[in-house]
Amino acid sequence: MTTTGRRERKKAQTRQALADAALRLFLEHGYDGVTVAQIADAADVSLATLFKHVPDGKEALIFDDGAERREALAAAVRDRPAGTALLAALHEFLAGRGAFATDLTPEMLRKRDLIVGTPALRDYQRKLWMTAEPALAEAIAAESAREATDPAVRALARYVLQIPDLASMDPDPQASLAAIIRLLDAGWRE
């Protein structure tokens, strides 16, 4: 049991060293100016180790697996206060994150700007975010007495997940978020 715990800690440390090295190098040289070999070298691991820990490639290096975000998103629906509408809870959840966050540290701002300004990172982040669709659909279904396979449930989950991408293009992402939520709310009945 101790060996497994140690092994998992070592994996997490290696993964974090890779993520830290990748972010530092991307910020210094730009995403396209950095190779995976340079990242492996900066993290003091072999290329084989890098790909063992991050099989999805260079763009995956600065992201976690998204499991915590998927769970937090579903929990925003499941654990919302009594009397809070489903879309109001999702609005509140989204309003403090990603493109909508206003309290980011300078390091978080640099990372966000790197992602927004790098098509490969932006696309990977979008792909990772969209993996939350089944969990969100399940949470919506459970709260609305519908099946997760109901097209309305699946569509709502998909549309909610598209909000950050759409709203982040607007000069006022918060206003855009609110407008999109109002539009979805007009068509959704719990």
C-alpha atoms as a PDB file:
ATOM      1  CA  MET A   1       0.000   0.000   0.000  1.00  0.00           C
ATOM      2  CA  THR A   2       2.822   2.427   0.856  1.00  0.00           C
ATOM      3  CA  THR A   3       4.542   1.698  -2.481  1.00  0.00           C
ATOM      4  CA  THR A   4       1.391   2.646  -4.394  1.00  0.00           C
ATOM      5  CA  GLY A   5       1.099   5.855  -2.402  1.00  0.00           C
ATOM      6  CA  ARG A   6       4.713   6.712  -3.068  1.00  0.00           C
ATOM      7  CA  ARG A   7       4.374   5.803  -6.744  1.00  0.00           C
ATOM      8  CA  GLU A   8       1.328   8.032  -7.121  1.00  0.00           C
ATOM      9  CA  ARG A   9       3.110  10.903  -5.360  1.00  0.00           C
ATOM     10  CA  LYS A  10       6.127  10.516  -7.661  1.00  0.00           C
ATOM     11  CA  LYS A  11       3.856  10.494 -10.724  1.00  0.00           C
ATOM     12  CA  ALA A  12       2.125  13.641  -9.511  1.00  0.00           C
ATOM     13  CA  GLN A  13       5.472  15.328  -8.827  1.00  0.00           C
ATOM     14  CA  THR A  14       6.758  14.436 -12.296  1.00  0.00           C
ATOM     15  CA  ARG A  15       3.525  15.616 -13.901  1.00  0.00           C
ATOM     16  CA  GLN A  16       3.744  18.903 -11.986  1.00  0.00           C
ATOM     17  CA  ALA A  17       7.409  19.382 -12.921  1.00  0.00           C
ATOM     18  CA  LEU A  18       6.474  18.899 -16.586  1.00  0.00           C
ATOM     19  CA  ALA A  19       3.556  21.332 -16.325  1.00  0.00           C
ATOM     20  CA  ASP A  20       5.694  23.948 -14.577  1.00  0.00           C
ATOM     21  CA  ALA A  21       8.512  23.613 -17.120  1.00  0.00           C
ATOM     22  CA  ALA A  22       6.106  23.765 -20.055  1.00  0.00           C
ATOM     23  CA  LEU A  23       4.318  26.852 -18.769  1.00  0.00           C
ATOM     24  CA  ARG A  24       7.570  28.653 -17.993  1.00  0.00           C
ATOM     25  CA  LEU A  25       9.020  27.859 -21.432  1.00  0.00           C
ATOM     26  CA  PHE A  26       5.780  28.716 -23.263  1.00  0.00           C
ATOM     27  CA  LEU A  27       5.630  32.077 -21.487  1.00  0.00           C
ATOM     28  CA  GLU A  28       9.294  32.799 -22.240  1.00  0.00           C
ATOM     29  CA  HIS A  29       9.463  31.600 -25.862  1.00  0.00           C
ATOM     30  CA  GLY A  30       5.879  31.196 -27.040  1.00  0.00           C
ATOM     31  CA  TYR A  31       4.150  27.871 -27.548  1.00  0.00           C
ATOM     32  CA  ASP A  32       5.494  27.349 -31.064  1.00  0.00           C
ATOM     33  CA  GLY A  33       9.029  28.247 -29.957  1.00  0.00           C
ATOM     34  CA  VAL A  34       9.286  25.301 -27.571  1.00  0.00           C
ATOM     35  CA  THR A  35       9.797  21.602 -28.318  1.00  0.00           C
ATOM     36  CA  VAL A  36       8.791  18.674 -26.144  1.00  0.00           C
ATOM     37  CA  ALA A  37      12.494  17.805 -25.899  1.00  0.00           C
ATOM     38  CA  GLN A  38      13.166  21.219 -24.339  1.00  0.00           C
ATOM     39  CA  ILE A  39      10.327  20.694 -21.872  1.00  0.00           C
ATOM     40  CA  ALA A  40      11.577  17.228 -20.917  1.00  0.00           C
ATOM     41  CA  ASP A  41      15.080  18.621 -20.460  1.00  0.00           C
ATOM     42  CA  ALA A  42      13.831  21.521 -18.308  1.00  0.00           C
ATOM     43  CA  ALA A  43      11.869  19.066 -16.137  1.00  0.00           C
ATOM     44  CA  ASP A  44      14.889  16.720 -15.996  1.00  0.00           C
ATOM     45  CA  VAL A  45      13.034  13.740 -17.469  1.00  0.00           C
ATOM     46  CA  SER A  46      13.398  11.716 -20.646  1.00  0.00           C
ATOM     47  CA  LEU A  47      11.138  12.187 -23.658  1.00  0.00           C
ATOM     48  CA  ALA A  48       9.710   8.725 -22.977  1.00  0.00           C
ATOM     49  CA  THR A  49       8.793   9.816 -19.449  1.00  0.00           C
ATOM     50  CA  LEU A  50       7.182  12.993 -20.767  1.00  0.00           C
ATOM     51  CA  PHE A  51       4.981  11.034 -23.184  1.00  0.00           C
ATOM     52  CA  LYS A  52       4.175   8.440 -20.522  1.00  0.00           C
ATOM     53  CA  HIS A  53       2.810  11.178 -18.273  1.00  0.00           C
ATOM     54  CA  VAL A  54       1.277  13.310 -21.024  1.00  0.00           C
ATOM     55  CA  PRO A  55       0.298  11.069 -23.962  1.00  0.00           C
ATOM     56  CA  ASP A  56      -1.930  13.763 -25.522  1.00  0.00           C
ATOM     57  CA  GLY A  57       1.081  15.810 -26.596  1.00  0.00           C
ATOM     58  CA  LYS A  58       2.561  19.230 -26.020  1.00  0.00           C
ATOM     59  CA  GLU A  59      -0.719  21.138 -25.746  1.00  0.00           C
ATOM     60  CA  ALA A  60      -1.864  18.943 -22.845  1.00  0.00           C
ATOM     61  CA  LEU A  61       1.153  19.788 -20.697  1.00  0.00           C
ATOM     62  CA  ILE A  62      -0.252  22.871 -18.952  1.00  0.00           C
ATOM     63  CA  PHE A  63      -3.695  21.390 -18.270  1.00  0.00           C
ATOM     64  CA  ASP A  64      -4.829  18.869 -15.700  1.00  0.00           C
ATOM     65  CA  ASP A  65      -7.226  16.120 -16.773  1.00  0.00           C
ATOM     66  CA  GLY A  66     -10.296  18.286 -16.144  1.00  0.00           C
ATOM     67  CA  ALA A  67     -11.877  15.870 -13.659  1.00  0.00           C
ATOM     68  CA  GLU A  68     -12.214  18.508 -10.936  1.00  0.00           C
ATOM     69  CA  ARG A  69     -13.831  20.991 -13.346  1.00  0.00           C
ATOM     70  CA  ARG A  70     -16.270  18.348 -14.589  1.00  0.00           C
ATOM     71  CA  GLU A  71     -17.259  17.478 -11.027  1.00  0.00           C
ATOM     72  CA  ALA A  72     -17.531  21.130  -9.963  1.00  0.00           C
ATOM     73  CA  LEU A  73     -19.758  21.902 -12.950  1.00  0.00           C
ATOM     74  CA  ALA A  74     -22.102  18.995 -12.193  1.00  0.00           C
ATOM     75  CA  ALA A  75     -22.070  19.934  -8.492  1.00  0.00           C
ATOM     76  CA  ALA A  76     -23.131  23.487  -9.388  1.00  0.00           C
ATOM     77  CA  VAL A  77     -26.372  21.943 -10.643  1.00  0.00           C
ATOM     78  CA  ARG A  78     -26.776  19.173  -8.053  1.00  0.00           C
ATOM     79  CA  ASP A  79     -25.845  21.208  -4.978  1.00  0.00           C
ATOM     80  CA  ARG A  80     -27.459  24.528  -5.812  1.00  0.00           C
ATOM     81  CA  PRO A  81     -29.448  26.173  -3.015  1.00  0.00           C
ATOM     82  CA  ALA A  82     -33.139  25.369  -2.802  1.00  0.00           C
ATOM     83  CA  GLY A  83     -35.140  27.694  -5.008  1.00  0.00           C
ATOM     84  CA  THR A  84     -32.184  28.529  -7.269  1.00  0.00           C
ATOM     85  CA  ALA A  85     -32.969  27.906 -10.914  1.00  0.00           C
ATOM     86  CA  LEU A  86     -30.687  25.533 -12.766  1.00  0.00           C
ATOM     87  CA  LEU A  87     -29.452  28.162 -15.219  1.00  0.00           C
ATOM     88  CA  ALA A  88     -28.976  30.725 -12.444  1.00  0.00           C
ATOM     89  CA  ALA A  89     -26.688  28.236 -10.680  1.00  0.00           C
ATOM     90  CA  LEU A  90     -24.745  27.625 -13.884  1.00  0.00           C
ATOM     91  CA  HIS A  91     -24.495  31.373 -14.483  1.00  0.00           C
ATOM     92  CA  GLU A  92     -23.042  31.862 -11.013  1.00  0.00           C
ATOM     93  CA  PHE A  93     -20.616  28.971 -11.537  1.00  0.00           C
ATOM     94  CA  LEU A  94     -19.356  30.283 -14.875  1.00  0.00           C
ATOM     95  CA  ALA A  95     -19.202  33.940 -13.806  1.00  0.00           C
ATOM     96  CA  GLY A  96     -16.167  33.392 -11.594  1.00  0.00           C
ATOM     97  CA  ARG A  97     -14.121  31.199 -13.887  1.00  0.00           C
ATOM     98  CA  GLY A  98     -11.993  31.331 -17.001  1.00  0.00           C
ATOM     99  CA  ALA A  99     -12.813  34.199 -19.333  1.00  0.00           C
ATOM    100  CA  PHE A 100     -15.195  35.625 -16.726  1.00  0.00           C
ATOM    101  CA  ALA A 101     -12.870  35.608 -13.712  1.00  0.00           C
ATOM    102  CA  THR A 102     -11.902  39.020 -12.394  1.00  0.00           C
ATOM    103  CA  ASP A 103      -9.709  38.034  -9.451  1.00  0.00           C
ATOM    104  CA  LEU A 104      -6.872  36.248 -11.233  1.00  0.00           C
ATOM    105  CA  THR A 105      -3.304  36.481  -9.980  1.00  0.00           C
ATOM    106  CA  PRO A 106      -0.717  37.881 -12.417  1.00  0.00           C
ATOM    107  CA  GLU A 107       0.520  34.329 -13.093  1.00  0.00           C
ATOM    108  CA  MET A 108      -3.022  33.129 -13.810  1.00  0.00           C
ATOM    109  CA  LEU A 109      -3.564  36.100 -16.139  1.00  0.00           C
ATOM    110  CA  ARG A 110      -0.378  35.275 -18.068  1.00  0.00           C
ATOM    111  CA  LYS A 111      -1.486  31.654 -18.393  1.00  0.00           C
ATOM    112  CA  ARG A 112      -4.964  32.681 -19.536  1.00  0.00           C
ATOM    113  CA  ASP A 113      -3.490  35.103 -22.091  1.00  0.00           C
ATOM    114  CA  LEU A 114      -1.143  32.381 -23.341  1.00  0.00           C
ATOM    115  CA  ILE A 115      -4.061  29.990 -23.827  1.00  0.00           C
ATOM    116  CA  VAL A 116      -6.306  32.588 -25.477  1.00  0.00           C
ATOM    117  CA  GLY A 117      -3.492  33.670 -27.796  1.00  0.00           C
ATOM    118  CA  THR A 118      -2.400  30.164 -28.818  1.00  0.00           C
ATOM    119  CA  PRO A 119      -4.780  28.285 -31.144  1.00  0.00           C
ATOM    120  CA  ALA A 120      -3.454  24.820 -30.201  1.00  0.00           C
ATOM    121  CA  LEU A 121      -3.879  25.519 -26.482  1.00  0.00           C
ATOM    122  CA  ARG A 122      -7.272  27.138 -26.970  1.00  0.00           C
ATOM    123  CA  ASP A 123      -8.470  24.143 -29.013  1.00  0.00           C
ATOM    124  CA  TYR A 124      -7.163  21.664 -26.458  1.00  0.00           C
ATOM    125  CA  GLN A 125      -8.807  23.567 -23.604  1.00  0.00           C
ATOM    126  CA  ARG A 126     -12.096  23.580 -25.516  1.00  0.00           C
ATOM    127  CA  LYS A 127     -11.833  19.825 -26.143  1.00  0.00           C
ATOM    128  CA  LEU A 128     -11.066  19.198 -22.472  1.00  0.00           C
ATOM    129  CA  TRP A 129     -13.970  21.421 -21.344  1.00  0.00           C
ATOM    130  CA  MET A 130     -16.385  19.608 -23.652  1.00  0.00           C
ATOM    131  CA  THR A 131     -15.615  16.306 -21.897  1.00  0.00           C
ATOM    132  CA  ALA A 132     -17.878  17.662 -19.141  1.00  0.00           C
ATOM    133  CA  GLU A 133     -20.942  17.294 -21.366  1.00  0.00           C
ATOM    134  CA  PRO A 134     -22.042  13.805 -20.172  1.00  0.00           C
ATOM    135  CA  ALA A 135     -21.646  14.694 -16.472  1.00  0.00           C
ATOM    136  CA  LEU A 136     -23.474  17.986 -16.950  1.00  0.00           C
ATOM    137  CA  ALA A 137     -26.264  16.288 -18.917  1.00  0.00           C
ATOM    138  CA  GLU A 138     -26.627  13.687 -16.138  1.00  0.00           C
ATOM    139  CA  ALA A 139     -26.863  16.427 -13.498  1.00  0.00           C
ATOM    140  CA  ILE A 140     -29.390  18.409 -15.546  1.00  0.00           C
ATOM    141  CA  ALA A 141     -31.443  15.270 -16.166  1.00  0.00           C
ATOM    142  CA  ALA A 142     -31.480  14.331 -12.491  1.00  0.00           C
ATOM    143  CA  GLU A 143     -32.652  17.817 -11.540  1.00  0.00           C
ATOM    144  CA  SER A 144     -35.292  18.086 -14.247  1.00  0.00           C
ATOM    145  CA  ALA A 145     -36.878  14.619 -14.103  1.00  0.00           C
ATOM    146  CA  ARG A 146     -35.750  13.919 -17.665  1.00  0.00           C
ATOM    147  CA  GLU A 147     -33.401  11.385 -19.164  1.00  0.00           C
ATOM    148  CA  ALA A 148     -29.799  12.363 -19.890  1.00  0.00           C
ATOM    149  CA  THR A 149     -30.419  11.199 -23.463  1.00  0.00           C
ATOM    150  CA  ASP A 150     -33.315  13.659 -23.891  1.00  0.00           C
ATOM    151  CA  PRO A 151     -32.296  15.958 -26.773  1.00  0.00           C
ATOM    152  CA  ALA A 152     -33.296  19.044 -24.768  1.00  0.00           C
ATOM    153  CA  VAL A 153     -31.041  17.989 -21.876  1.00  0.00           C
ATOM    154  CA  ARG A 154     -28.124  17.186 -24.170  1.00  0.00           C
ATOM    155  CA  ALA A 155     -28.603  20.449 -26.076  1.00  0.00           C
ATOM    156  CA  LEU A 156     -28.701  22.522 -22.890  1.00  0.00           C
ATOM    157  CA  ALA A 157     -25.522  20.859 -21.607  1.00  0.00           C
ATOM    158  CA  ARG A 158     -23.789  21.474 -24.945  1.00  0.00           C
ATOM    159  CA  TYR A 159     -24.932  25.102 -25.144  1.00  0.00           C
ATOM    160  CA  VAL A 160     -23.829  25.844 -21.574  1.00  0.00           C
ATOM    161  CA  LEU A 161     -20.393  24.431 -22.349  1.00  0.00           C
ATOM    162  CA  GLN A 162     -20.160  26.627 -25.454  1.00  0.00           C
ATOM    163  CA  ILE A 163     -20.804  29.818 -23.452  1.00  0.00           C
ATOM    164  CA  PRO A 164     -17.180  30.511 -22.437  1.00  0.00           C
ATOM    165  CA  ASP A 165     -16.004  30.210 -26.027  1.00  0.00           C
ATOM    166  CA  LEU A 166     -18.733  32.517 -27.334  1.00  0.00           C
ATOM    167  CA  ALA A 167     -18.683  35.072 -24.538  1.00  0.00           C
ATOM    168  CA  SER A 168     -14.905  35.359 -24.348  1.00  0.00           C
ATOM    169  CA  MET A 169     -14.907  36.891 -27.842  1.00  0.00           C
ATOM    170  CA  ASP A 170     -17.064  39.779 -26.622  1.00  0.00           C
ATOM    171  CA  PRO A 171     -15.498  42.983 -25.236  1.00  0.00           C
ATOM    172  CA  ASP A 172     -17.665  42.486 -22.121  1.00  0.00           C
ATOM    173  CA  PRO A 173     -17.656  38.731 -21.405  1.00  0.00           C
ATOM    174  CA  GLN A 174     -19.825  39.101 -18.270  1.00  0.00           C
ATOM    175  CA  ALA A 175     -22.577  40.900 -20.210  1.00  0.00           C
ATOM    176  CA  SER A 176     -22.353  38.303 -22.955  1.00  0.00           C
ATOM    177  CA  LEU A 177     -22.578  35.497 -20.379  1.00  0.00           C
ATOM    178  CA  ALA A 178     -25.714  37.052 -18.884  1.00  0.00           C
ATOM    179  CA  ALA A 179     -27.293  37.531 -22.327  1.00  0.00           C
ATOM    180  CA  ILE A 180     -26.641  33.926 -23.347  1.00  0.00           C
ATOM    181  CA  ILE A 181     -27.986  32.603 -20.039  1.00  0.00           C
ATOM    182  CA  ARG A 182     -31.167  34.692 -20.521  1.00  0.00           C
ATOM    183  CA  LEU A 183     -31.557  33.269 -24.024  1.00  0.00           C
ATOM    184  CA  LEU A 184     -31.144  29.695 -22.787  1.00  0.00           C
ATOM    185  CA  ASP A 185     -33.458  30.337 -19.850  1.00  0.00           C
ATOM    186  CA  ALA A 186     -36.188  31.545 -22.206  1.00  0.00           C
ATOM    187  CA  GLY A 187     -36.144  28.162 -23.925  1.00  0.00           C
ATOM    188  CA  TRP A 188     -35.595  25.876 -20.938  1.00  0.00           C
ATOM    189  CA  ARG A 189     -38.302  24.726 -18.585  1.00  0.00           C
ATOM    190  CA  GLU A 190     -37.322  22.686 -15.538  1.00  0.00           C
END
